[in-house]
Amino acid sequence: MTADTASPPRFTGRQRLILFVLLGAGFMLSVDFSILNVALPEVGAGVGLGLAGLPWVASAYALPAAGFTLLFGRLADLFGRRRMFLSGMVLLAGASVLGGFAANPEMLLTARALQGLSTALSIPASLSLLTTTFEEGATRDRVLGLNGALLSGGFTIGALVGGTLVGLLSWRSAFFINVPVAVAILVLTPFLVAESRVPDRVRLDVPGAVAVTGGLLAAVYAIIERSVVAGVVGVVLLVAFWVIELRAPAPLAPVRILGRPTVKWGNYAGLVVFSMETAMIFMMTLYLQNVLGFDPLVTGLVFGVPGLAAVLAGPIAGRLIGRYGYRRVLPAGLTVQGLATVPLIFMGADRLGLVILIPALLVGFFGHVTSIVAYTVTGTSGLPNEEQGLATGLTTMTQNFAITIGIPILSAIAATRSPELAGIHRALVVAVAVTLVSVALVWFGLRPGRATAVPAAREAGEPLAASRG
């Protein structure tokens, strides 16, 4: 191995500023997703939202974030990624002002829905700007590693910052904090980030856009509300979308892309990575508060300390992918995430469980962050720049959809057993089984004979020269 190959890629001053803006936006949006979770009782009391309506503070955000991401990712390819990114920041600032001044449930939920829509606009556009600004290889792997670290850190910091802001100020500050950050990004972006090249002839697949957006919205709603009717509608619309894409002259999501092993199995892995880890964290929240009797502040610290430590996994994951290839790193990260959950199945009702829980969370979060980076690299590898918006839209949609469905599914499984601790154990057994079975599926799905369109060096896990960055 040459010295150039072994040394990590270096960024220019301009590239560092671009990373500061684009990664900063993603970090802010990931913080925004979780910042209100610890303050739901105060939020409900502030606007007159009853206990039964509190879950919709999160669901109102999640529905548009998952339902519109694929559409907006493709629109970024067709009409300009920087334009879509800036539009998302404008919408975020406006929605945050609306939420900060919310006087009733309707204003609050509208603000959260608009924040979710801004996420669908901004994240795939910013991620595709990253993947097209930094060439595929060691440099992009490092960038996506930083992105994964900040994404994971954002969820953790969101919970910690949310509790602090609510304690010192009020829940409204959790909305207002977005405004100056969004304004700063709006000012800096035009000077740092060039607009993407727009095709000469732009044709939007309207039937496909309507079918996939409606199908995703119906599917997410069906899982949140456990609605069979909405589930059937979602399945019908998604099948219709597939048929439309097979026949459309300018498809929204060409089937040849959806059928690529890297896209297909990368996004499947992302679905498992986020759904099972999000649900595990929820189960452990119930364990800490309902079984062990800890208050929300202690619960936040139990998750926060290993969560912040595991952020270091992001940069490390980027280097591991450059050295060993995503086909090895993705199943390895998923394996660590799954195996770290195993000890949690045996925790009892005494506080000695913390001796098991905190180290298991640290190891599991490390595998989780590594998996986030690896699945993002996998799902966006080997595609031309003009299709990066679609690819990043798919990976972001997968993330948002998985975060939404994991908790309802494992909660339903936990509800089949009593007492509560027995139900938690059963849900965790299912999480481990799903994760480890998926490791085998992803490993075989990404075997070199199938991922033929990806550069051979990346499949084989050979190091990539840093000179490409």
Protein backbone atom coordinates (compact mmCIF):
# COMPACT_ATOMS: atom_id res chain seq x y z
CA MET A 1 0.00 0.00 0.00
CA THR A 2 1.40 3.39 -0.91
CA ALA A 3 1.58 6.31 1.44
CA ASP A 4 -1.04 8.16 -0.59
CA THR A 5 -3.42 5.28 -0.28
CA ALA A 6 -2.97 5.00 3.46
CA SER A 7 -3.33 8.71 4.28
CA PRO A 8 -6.84 10.07 4.75
CA PRO A 9 -8.15 12.51 2.13
CA ARG A 10 -7.75 16.20 2.89
CA PHE A 11 -10.26 18.97 2.25
CA THR A 12 -9.56 22.41 0.85
CA GLY A 13 -10.69 25.49 2.73
CA ARG A 14 -13.68 25.93 0.41
CA GLN A 15 -14.65 22.28 0.81
CA ARG A 16 -14.59 22.68 4.59
CA LEU A 17 -16.99 25.62 4.33
CA ILE A 18 -19.29 23.62 2.07
CA LEU A 19 -19.24 20.79 4.59
CA PHE A 20 -19.97 23.25 7.39
CA VAL A 21 -23.10 24.49 5.61
CA LEU A 22 -24.48 21.22 4.23
CA LEU A 23 -23.62 19.00 7.20
CA GLY A 24 -24.74 21.75 9.55
CA ALA A 25 -28.15 21.81 7.89
CA GLY A 26 -28.51 18.05 8.20
CA PHE A 27 -27.44 18.17 11.83
CA MET A 28 -29.99 20.89 12.59
CA LEU A 29 -32.79 18.89 10.97
CA SER A 30 -31.87 15.74 12.89
CA VAL A 31 -31.89 17.79 16.12
CA ASP A 32 -35.25 19.20 15.07
CA PHE A 33 -36.71 15.70 14.76
CA SER A 34 -36.12 14.82 18.41
CA ILE A 35 -35.94 18.14 20.23
CA LEU A 36 -39.62 18.20 21.23
CA ASN A 37 -39.84 14.55 22.31
CA VAL A 38 -38.74 15.23 25.88
CA ALA A 39 -41.11 18.20 26.18
CA LEU A 40 -44.36 16.68 24.93
CA PRO A 41 -46.34 17.21 28.17
CA GLU A 42 -45.31 20.90 28.28
CA VAL A 43 -46.08 21.33 24.57
CA GLY A 44 -49.52 19.79 24.99
CA ALA A 45 -50.31 21.95 27.98
CA GLY A 46 -49.11 25.07 26.16
CA VAL A 47 -51.53 24.73 23.24
CA GLY A 48 -54.32 22.70 24.80
CA LEU A 49 -53.44 19.41 23.12
CA GLY A 50 -54.72 16.41 25.06
CA LEU A 51 -52.78 13.30 25.99
CA ALA A 52 -54.30 11.29 23.14
CA GLY A 53 -53.09 13.86 20.62
CA LEU A 54 -49.46 14.11 21.80
CA PRO A 55 -48.17 11.32 19.49
CA TRP A 56 -49.25 13.47 16.54
CA VAL A 57 -46.58 16.04 17.43
CA ALA A 58 -44.10 13.47 16.11
CA SER A 59 -46.40 11.90 13.51
CA ALA A 60 -47.29 15.24 11.90
CA TYR A 61 -43.56 15.65 11.25
CA ALA A 62 -42.92 12.09 10.16
CA LEU A 63 -45.72 11.77 7.60
CA PRO A 64 -44.55 14.45 5.11
CA ALA A 65 -40.88 13.74 5.90
CA ALA A 66 -41.33 10.14 4.72
CA GLY A 67 -44.01 10.66 2.10
CA PHE A 68 -42.47 13.46 0.03
CA THR A 69 -38.74 12.67 0.25
CA LEU A 70 -38.51 10.51 -2.89
CA LEU A 71 -40.46 13.04 -4.95
CA PHE A 72 -38.39 16.00 -3.79
CA GLY A 73 -35.15 14.10 -4.23
CA ARG A 74 -36.01 13.52 -7.88
CA LEU A 75 -37.22 17.10 -8.32
CA ALA A 76 -33.80 18.22 -7.11
CA ASP A 77 -32.24 16.29 -10.01
CA LEU A 78 -34.62 17.89 -12.49
CA PHE A 79 -34.90 21.48 -11.27
CA GLY A 80 -31.76 22.17 -9.25
CA ARG A 81 -30.46 20.78 -5.97
CA ARG A 82 -29.37 24.09 -4.49
CA ARG A 83 -32.77 25.58 -5.33
CA MET A 84 -34.57 22.77 -3.50
CA PHE A 85 -32.19 22.96 -0.55
CA LEU A 86 -32.72 26.70 -0.13
CA SER A 87 -36.48 26.29 -0.49
CA GLY A 88 -36.38 23.79 2.36
CA MET A 89 -34.47 26.22 4.56
CA VAL A 90 -36.97 29.02 3.87
CA LEU A 91 -39.83 26.68 4.72
CA LEU A 92 -38.07 25.52 7.92
CA ALA A 93 -37.60 29.10 9.12
CA GLY A 94 -41.25 29.97 8.45
CA ALA A 95 -42.55 26.76 10.04
CA SER A 96 -40.39 27.30 13.13
CA VAL A 97 -41.75 30.82 13.60
CA LEU A 98 -45.29 29.46 13.26
CA GLY A 99 -44.59 26.73 15.80
CA GLY A 100 -42.98 29.13 18.25
CA PHE A 101 -46.09 31.31 18.25
CA ALA A 102 -48.58 28.41 18.15
CA ALA A 103 -51.65 29.20 20.24
CA ASN A 104 -53.71 26.08 19.53
CA PRO A 105 -53.23 22.46 18.41
CA GLU A 106 -53.98 23.27 14.77
CA MET A 107 -51.14 25.80 14.54
CA LEU A 108 -48.72 23.49 16.32
CA LEU A 109 -49.43 20.43 14.17
CA THR A 110 -49.36 22.54 10.99
CA ALA A 111 -45.94 23.85 11.99
CA ARG A 112 -44.66 20.32 12.63
CA ALA A 113 -46.03 19.12 9.29
CA LEU A 114 -44.30 22.01 7.51
CA GLN A 115 -41.07 21.19 9.34
CA GLY A 116 -41.38 17.60 8.10
CA LEU A 117 -41.97 18.90 4.58
CA SER A 118 -38.86 21.09 4.86
CA THR A 119 -36.89 17.98 5.84
CA ALA A 120 -38.16 16.19 2.74
CA LEU A 121 -37.06 19.16 0.65
CA SER A 122 -33.67 19.76 2.25
CA ILE A 123 -32.10 16.45 3.23
CA PRO A 124 -32.02 14.65 -0.16
CA ALA A 125 -30.92 17.88 -1.86
CA SER A 126 -28.12 18.54 0.64
CA LEU A 127 -26.99 14.92 0.57
CA SER A 128 -26.92 14.83 -3.23
CA LEU A 129 -24.98 18.11 -3.23
CA LEU A 130 -22.44 16.35 -1.02
CA THR A 131 -22.25 13.23 -3.19
CA THR A 132 -21.81 15.29 -6.38
CA THR A 133 -19.36 17.81 -4.86
CA PHE A 134 -17.08 15.08 -3.48
CA GLU A 135 -15.99 12.39 -5.93
CA GLU A 136 -16.95 8.78 -5.25
CA GLY A 137 -14.18 7.06 -3.35
CA ALA A 138 -12.24 7.75 -0.17
CA THR A 139 -13.20 11.43 0.01
CA ARG A 140 -16.91 10.80 -0.33
CA ASP A 141 -16.72 7.94 2.16
CA ARG A 142 -15.15 10.30 4.69
CA VAL A 143 -17.80 12.96 4.02
CA LEU A 144 -20.62 10.46 4.45
CA GLY A 145 -18.94 9.24 7.62
CA LEU A 146 -19.07 12.76 9.02
CA ASN A 147 -22.67 13.04 7.88
CA GLY A 148 -23.58 9.81 9.68
CA ALA A 149 -21.85 10.95 12.85
CA LEU A 150 -23.69 14.27 12.86
CA LEU A 151 -26.98 12.59 12.04
CA SER A 152 -26.67 10.25 15.00
CA GLY A 153 -25.34 12.99 17.24
CA GLY A 154 -28.21 15.25 16.24
CA PHE A 155 -30.84 12.83 17.50
CA THR A 156 -29.01 12.52 20.83
CA ILE A 157 -28.24 16.20 21.24
CA GLY A 158 -31.82 17.06 20.25
CA ALA A 159 -33.12 15.21 23.28
CA LEU A 160 -30.52 16.77 25.60
CA VAL A 161 -30.93 20.31 24.22
CA GLY A 162 -34.69 19.97 24.25
CA GLY A 163 -34.72 19.20 27.95
CA THR A 164 -32.32 22.06 28.71
CA LEU A 165 -34.23 24.63 26.68
CA VAL A 166 -37.54 23.63 28.19
CA GLY A 167 -36.07 23.80 31.67
CA LEU A 168 -34.41 27.21 31.22
CA LEU A 169 -36.81 28.92 28.82
CA SER A 170 -39.90 27.22 27.37
CA TRP A 171 -40.87 24.67 24.76
CA ARG A 172 -41.32 27.53 22.25
CA SER A 173 -37.55 28.07 22.23
CA ALA A 174 -37.17 24.62 20.65
CA PHE A 175 -38.85 26.10 17.58
CA PHE A 176 -37.22 29.54 17.58
CA ILE A 177 -33.68 28.13 17.79
CA ASN A 178 -33.99 26.97 14.16
CA VAL A 179 -34.59 30.45 12.74
CA PRO A 180 -31.12 32.08 13.05
CA VAL A 181 -29.41 28.87 11.90
CA ALA A 182 -31.65 28.63 8.81
CA VAL A 183 -31.05 32.31 8.00
CA ALA A 184 -27.27 31.85 8.25
CA ILE A 185 -27.44 28.86 5.89
CA LEU A 186 -29.56 30.87 3.43
CA VAL A 187 -26.97 33.65 3.42
CA LEU A 188 -23.89 31.43 3.02
CA THR A 189 -25.10 28.77 0.58
CA PRO A 190 -25.29 30.88 -2.63
CA PHE A 191 -21.65 31.93 -2.16
CA LEU A 192 -20.32 28.43 -1.52
CA VAL A 193 -22.46 25.86 -3.33
CA ALA A 194 -22.93 25.90 -7.10
CA GLU A 195 -26.26 24.98 -8.62
CA SER A 196 -26.43 21.51 -10.13
CA ARG A 197 -26.72 21.04 -13.87
CA VAL A 198 -30.37 20.88 -14.92
CA PRO A 199 -31.38 18.69 -17.91
CA ASP A 200 -32.26 20.64 -21.05
CA ARG A 201 -35.67 18.99 -21.33
CA VAL A 202 -37.38 18.54 -18.02
CA ARG A 203 -40.30 16.12 -17.86
CA LEU A 204 -41.93 15.25 -14.58
CA ASP A 205 -43.65 11.90 -14.21
CA VAL A 206 -46.82 13.30 -12.60
CA PRO A 207 -48.75 9.99 -12.31
CA GLY A 208 -45.72 8.32 -10.74
CA ALA A 209 -45.21 11.25 -8.36
CA VAL A 210 -48.85 11.15 -7.22
CA ALA A 211 -48.84 7.36 -6.81
CA VAL A 212 -45.63 7.07 -4.81
CA THR A 213 -46.32 10.07 -2.57
CA GLY A 214 -49.88 8.96 -1.88
CA GLY A 215 -48.75 5.38 -1.32
CA LEU A 216 -46.04 6.34 1.16
CA LEU A 217 -48.33 8.70 3.06
CA ALA A 218 -51.02 6.02 3.28
CA ALA A 219 -48.51 3.36 4.37
CA VAL A 220 -47.01 5.52 7.12
CA TYR A 221 -50.47 6.58 8.32
CA ALA A 222 -51.60 2.95 8.34
CA ILE A 223 -48.74 1.95 10.63
CA ILE A 224 -49.13 4.94 12.96
CA GLU A 225 -52.91 4.54 13.30
CA ARG A 226 -53.04 0.75 12.68
CA SER A 227 -55.53 1.35 9.87
CA VAL A 228 -56.18 -1.61 7.58
CA VAL A 229 -57.98 0.58 5.03
CA ALA A 230 -55.05 3.01 4.78
CA GLY A 231 -52.67 0.04 4.50
CA VAL A 232 -54.59 -1.40 1.57
CA VAL A 233 -54.69 1.99 -0.14
CA GLY A 234 -50.93 2.36 0.38
CA VAL A 235 -50.15 -1.05 -1.10
CA VAL A 236 -52.42 -0.44 -4.11
CA LEU A 237 -50.82 2.95 -4.83
CA LEU A 238 -47.27 1.62 -4.49
CA VAL A 239 -48.04 -1.28 -6.85
CA ALA A 240 -49.56 1.24 -9.25
CA PHE A 241 -46.38 3.31 -8.97
CA TRP A 242 -44.27 0.31 -9.97
CA VAL A 243 -46.48 -0.36 -13.00
CA ILE A 244 -46.38 3.31 -14.01
CA GLU A 245 -42.60 3.40 -13.78
CA LEU A 246 -42.32 0.36 -16.07
CA ARG A 247 -44.28 2.18 -18.79
CA ALA A 248 -43.46 5.86 -18.28
CA PRO A 249 -41.25 7.48 -20.98
CA ALA A 250 -39.57 9.63 -18.28
CA PRO A 251 -40.08 7.72 -15.02
CA LEU A 252 -39.74 9.43 -11.65
CA ALA A 253 -37.70 6.48 -10.34
CA PRO A 254 -36.47 4.24 -13.17
CA VAL A 255 -36.98 0.58 -12.32
CA ARG A 256 -33.44 -0.21 -13.44
CA ILE A 257 -32.19 1.93 -10.53
CA LEU A 258 -34.61 0.44 -8.02
CA GLY A 259 -33.50 -3.02 -9.10
CA ARG A 260 -29.77 -2.39 -8.59
CA PRO A 261 -28.39 -4.60 -5.79
CA THR A 262 -26.63 -1.65 -4.15
CA VAL A 263 -29.78 0.48 -4.14
CA LYS A 264 -32.12 -2.35 -3.19
CA TRP A 265 -30.07 -3.99 -0.45
CA GLY A 266 -28.53 -0.76 0.79
CA ASN A 267 -31.99 0.68 1.44
CA TYR A 268 -33.25 -2.58 2.91
CA ALA A 269 -30.35 -2.47 5.36
CA GLY A 270 -31.20 1.15 6.18
CA LEU A 271 -34.78 0.15 6.90
CA VAL A 272 -33.60 -2.44 9.43
CA VAL A 273 -30.87 -0.20 10.88
CA PHE A 274 -33.22 2.65 11.77
CA SER A 275 -36.46 0.81 12.57
CA MET A 276 -34.91 -1.70 14.98
CA GLU A 277 -32.59 0.76 16.76
CA THR A 278 -35.29 3.43 17.14
CA ALA A 279 -37.69 0.85 18.57
CA MET A 280 -34.99 -0.54 20.89
CA ILE A 281 -34.37 2.94 22.31
CA PHE A 282 -38.11 3.35 22.89
CA MET A 283 -38.26 -0.02 24.67
CA MET A 284 -35.33 0.96 26.88
CA THR A 285 -37.02 4.28 27.66
CA LEU A 286 -40.02 2.31 28.96
CA TYR A 287 -37.65 0.05 30.89
CA LEU A 288 -35.81 2.94 32.54
CA GLN A 289 -38.90 4.95 33.46
CA ASN A 290 -41.66 2.38 34.00
CA VAL A 291 -39.64 -0.56 35.33
CA LEU A 292 -36.67 1.08 37.08
CA GLY A 293 -38.49 4.30 37.99
CA PHE A 294 -35.98 6.86 36.65
CA ASP A 295 -37.12 10.36 35.65
CA PRO A 296 -36.75 11.77 32.08
CA LEU A 297 -33.53 13.65 32.93
CA VAL A 298 -31.70 10.51 34.06
CA THR A 299 -33.13 8.62 31.08
CA GLY A 300 -31.73 11.26 28.74
CA LEU A 301 -28.30 11.00 30.35
CA VAL A 302 -28.31 7.19 30.09
CA PHE A 303 -28.81 7.48 26.32
CA GLY A 304 -26.85 10.69 25.84
CA VAL A 305 -23.46 9.65 27.18
CA PRO A 306 -22.99 6.52 25.02
CA GLY A 307 -24.76 8.28 22.14
CA LEU A 308 -22.27 11.13 22.06
CA ALA A 309 -19.35 8.73 22.41
CA ALA A 310 -20.62 6.65 19.49
CA VAL A 311 -20.56 9.72 17.23
CA LEU A 312 -16.85 8.93 16.81
CA ALA A 313 -17.94 5.90 14.80
CA GLY A 314 -18.89 8.09 11.82
CA PRO A 315 -15.38 9.16 10.72
CA ILE A 316 -14.03 5.71 11.60
CA ALA A 317 -16.71 4.06 9.44
CA GLY A 318 -15.76 6.17 6.43
CA ARG A 319 -12.16 4.97 6.70
CA LEU A 320 -13.20 1.36 7.21
CA ILE A 321 -15.31 1.48 4.04
CA GLY A 322 -12.38 2.90 2.10
CA ARG A 323 -10.19 0.06 3.34
CA TYR A 324 -12.53 -2.95 3.39
CA GLY A 325 -15.45 -1.99 1.14
CA TYR A 326 -19.09 -1.37 2.01
CA ARG A 327 -20.03 -5.03 1.39
CA ARG A 328 -18.03 -6.03 4.47
CA VAL A 329 -18.63 -2.97 6.66
CA LEU A 330 -22.42 -2.81 6.25
CA PRO A 331 -23.14 -6.38 7.47
CA ALA A 332 -20.47 -6.00 10.18
CA GLY A 333 -22.05 -2.81 11.55
CA LEU A 334 -25.51 -4.38 11.43
CA THR A 335 -24.17 -7.45 13.25
CA VAL A 336 -22.71 -5.32 16.04
CA GLN A 337 -26.01 -3.44 16.37
CA GLY A 338 -27.95 -6.70 16.64
CA LEU A 339 -25.61 -8.54 19.01
CA ALA A 340 -25.37 -5.53 21.34
CA THR A 341 -29.12 -5.84 21.90
CA VAL A 342 -28.86 -9.47 23.07
CA PRO A 343 -27.76 -8.70 26.69
CA LEU A 344 -30.74 -6.36 27.08
CA ILE A 345 -33.09 -9.33 26.73
CA PHE A 346 -31.87 -10.68 30.09
CA MET A 347 -32.05 -7.50 32.20
CA GLY A 348 -34.21 -7.74 35.30
CA ALA A 349 -36.29 -5.28 37.31
CA ASP A 350 -33.42 -4.08 39.55
CA ARG A 351 -31.13 -1.13 38.86
CA LEU A 352 -28.14 -3.40 38.36
CA GLY A 353 -29.48 -3.56 34.81
CA LEU A 354 -27.65 -0.27 34.18
CA VAL A 355 -24.36 -2.17 34.41
CA ILE A 356 -25.47 -4.10 31.33
CA LEU A 357 -27.42 -1.35 29.59
CA ILE A 358 -24.86 1.45 29.30
CA PRO A 359 -22.00 -0.65 27.80
CA ALA A 360 -24.49 -2.40 25.50
CA LEU A 361 -25.79 0.97 24.28
CA LEU A 362 -22.26 2.21 23.64
CA VAL A 363 -21.36 -0.84 21.55
CA GLY A 364 -24.74 -0.90 19.84
CA PHE A 365 -24.64 2.80 18.96
CA PHE A 366 -21.18 2.33 17.48
CA GLY A 367 -22.51 -0.42 15.21
CA HIS A 368 -25.60 1.68 14.46
CA VAL A 369 -23.63 4.74 13.31
CA THR A 370 -21.29 2.54 11.26
CA SER A 371 -24.32 0.97 9.58
CA ILE A 372 -25.83 4.39 8.80
CA VAL A 373 -22.68 5.46 7.00
CA ALA A 374 -22.30 2.13 5.19
CA TYR A 375 -25.88 1.96 3.95
CA THR A 376 -25.69 5.56 2.68
CA VAL A 377 -22.49 4.79 0.79
CA THR A 378 -24.00 1.57 -0.56
CA GLY A 379 -27.25 3.18 -1.72
CA THR A 380 -25.51 6.03 -3.56
CA SER A 381 -22.53 4.19 -5.06
CA GLY A 382 -22.02 3.63 -8.76
CA LEU A 383 -24.74 6.06 -9.93
CA PRO A 384 -24.16 9.04 -12.24
CA ASN A 385 -24.43 12.57 -10.83
CA GLU A 386 -27.75 13.23 -12.57
CA GLU A 387 -29.36 10.46 -10.51
CA GLN A 388 -27.84 11.29 -7.13
CA GLY A 389 -30.93 13.23 -6.04
CA LEU A 390 -33.04 10.13 -6.59
CA ALA A 391 -30.51 7.93 -4.78
CA THR A 392 -30.22 10.23 -1.77
CA GLY A 393 -33.99 10.70 -1.81
CA LEU A 394 -34.36 6.93 -1.50
CA THR A 395 -31.90 6.66 1.38
CA THR A 396 -33.53 9.57 3.21
CA MET A 397 -37.02 8.18 2.59
CA THR A 398 -35.88 4.85 3.98
CA GLN A 399 -34.55 6.55 7.11
CA ASN A 400 -37.72 8.57 7.73
CA PHE A 401 -40.03 5.64 6.98
CA ALA A 402 -38.04 3.31 9.26
CA ILE A 403 -37.99 5.75 12.16
CA THR A 404 -41.77 6.03 11.86
CA ILE A 405 -42.63 2.31 11.70
CA GLY A 406 -40.19 0.75 14.17
CA ILE A 407 -41.82 1.90 17.41
CA PRO A 408 -45.44 0.98 16.50
CA ILE A 409 -44.40 -2.50 15.31
CA LEU A 410 -42.32 -3.47 18.35
CA SER A 411 -44.80 -1.78 20.69
CA ALA A 412 -47.54 -4.03 19.31
CA ILE A 413 -45.30 -7.07 19.89
CA ALA A 414 -44.51 -5.95 23.44
CA ALA A 415 -48.21 -5.55 24.16
CA THR A 416 -48.75 -9.30 23.63
CA ARG A 417 -47.03 -10.12 26.94
CA SER A 418 -47.47 -8.99 30.52
CA PRO A 419 -46.02 -7.78 32.82
CA GLU A 420 -44.40 -4.92 30.91
CA LEU A 421 -40.84 -6.23 31.33
CA ALA A 422 -41.80 -9.54 29.70
CA GLY A 423 -43.29 -7.64 26.76
CA ILE A 424 -40.12 -5.58 26.39
CA HIS A 425 -38.04 -8.76 26.36
CA ARG A 426 -40.21 -10.28 23.62
CA ALA A 427 -39.94 -7.15 21.46
CA LEU A 428 -36.15 -7.16 21.84
CA VAL A 429 -35.96 -10.82 20.81
CA VAL A 430 -37.81 -9.93 17.61
CA ALA A 431 -35.47 -6.97 17.01
CA VAL A 432 -32.40 -9.18 17.34
CA ALA A 433 -33.86 -11.87 15.08
CA VAL A 434 -34.85 -9.39 12.36
CA THR A 435 -31.43 -7.71 12.49
CA LEU A 436 -29.35 -10.88 12.32
CA VAL A 437 -31.45 -12.47 9.58
CA SER A 438 -31.05 -9.23 7.63
CA VAL A 439 -27.27 -9.44 7.99
CA ALA A 440 -27.31 -12.69 5.99
CA LEU A 441 -29.70 -11.27 3.38
CA VAL A 442 -27.60 -8.13 2.86
CA TRP A 443 -24.35 -10.10 2.72
CA PHE A 444 -25.62 -12.39 -0.04
CA GLY A 445 -27.56 -9.63 -1.79
CA LEU A 446 -24.39 -7.54 -2.14
CA ARG A 447 -22.10 -10.37 -3.21
CA PRO A 448 -19.77 -9.24 -6.01
CA GLY A 449 -21.48 -11.28 -8.72
CA ARG A 450 -24.66 -9.22 -8.27
CA ALA A 451 -23.29 -5.72 -7.66
CA THR A 452 -21.71 -5.63 -11.08
CA ALA A 453 -22.14 -1.95 -11.77
CA VAL A 454 -20.03 -0.79 -8.83
CA PRO A 455 -16.28 -0.29 -9.25
CA ALA A 456 -14.50 -3.54 -8.54
CA ALA A 457 -12.13 -2.02 -6.00
CA ARG A 458 -15.03 -0.88 -3.80
CA GLU A 459 -16.74 -4.28 -3.97
CA ALA A 460 -13.59 -6.15 -3.13
CA GLY A 461 -12.79 -3.80 -0.27
CA GLU A 462 -9.52 -2.65 -1.81
CA PRO A 463 -8.19 0.71 -0.59
CA LEU A 464 -8.99 3.70 -2.74
CA ALA A 465 -6.33 6.25 -3.45
CA ALA A 466 -6.73 9.42 -1.43
CA SER A 467 -5.63 11.38 -4.48
CA ARG A 468 -9.20 11.00 -5.80
CA GLY A 469 -10.27 13.56 -3.17
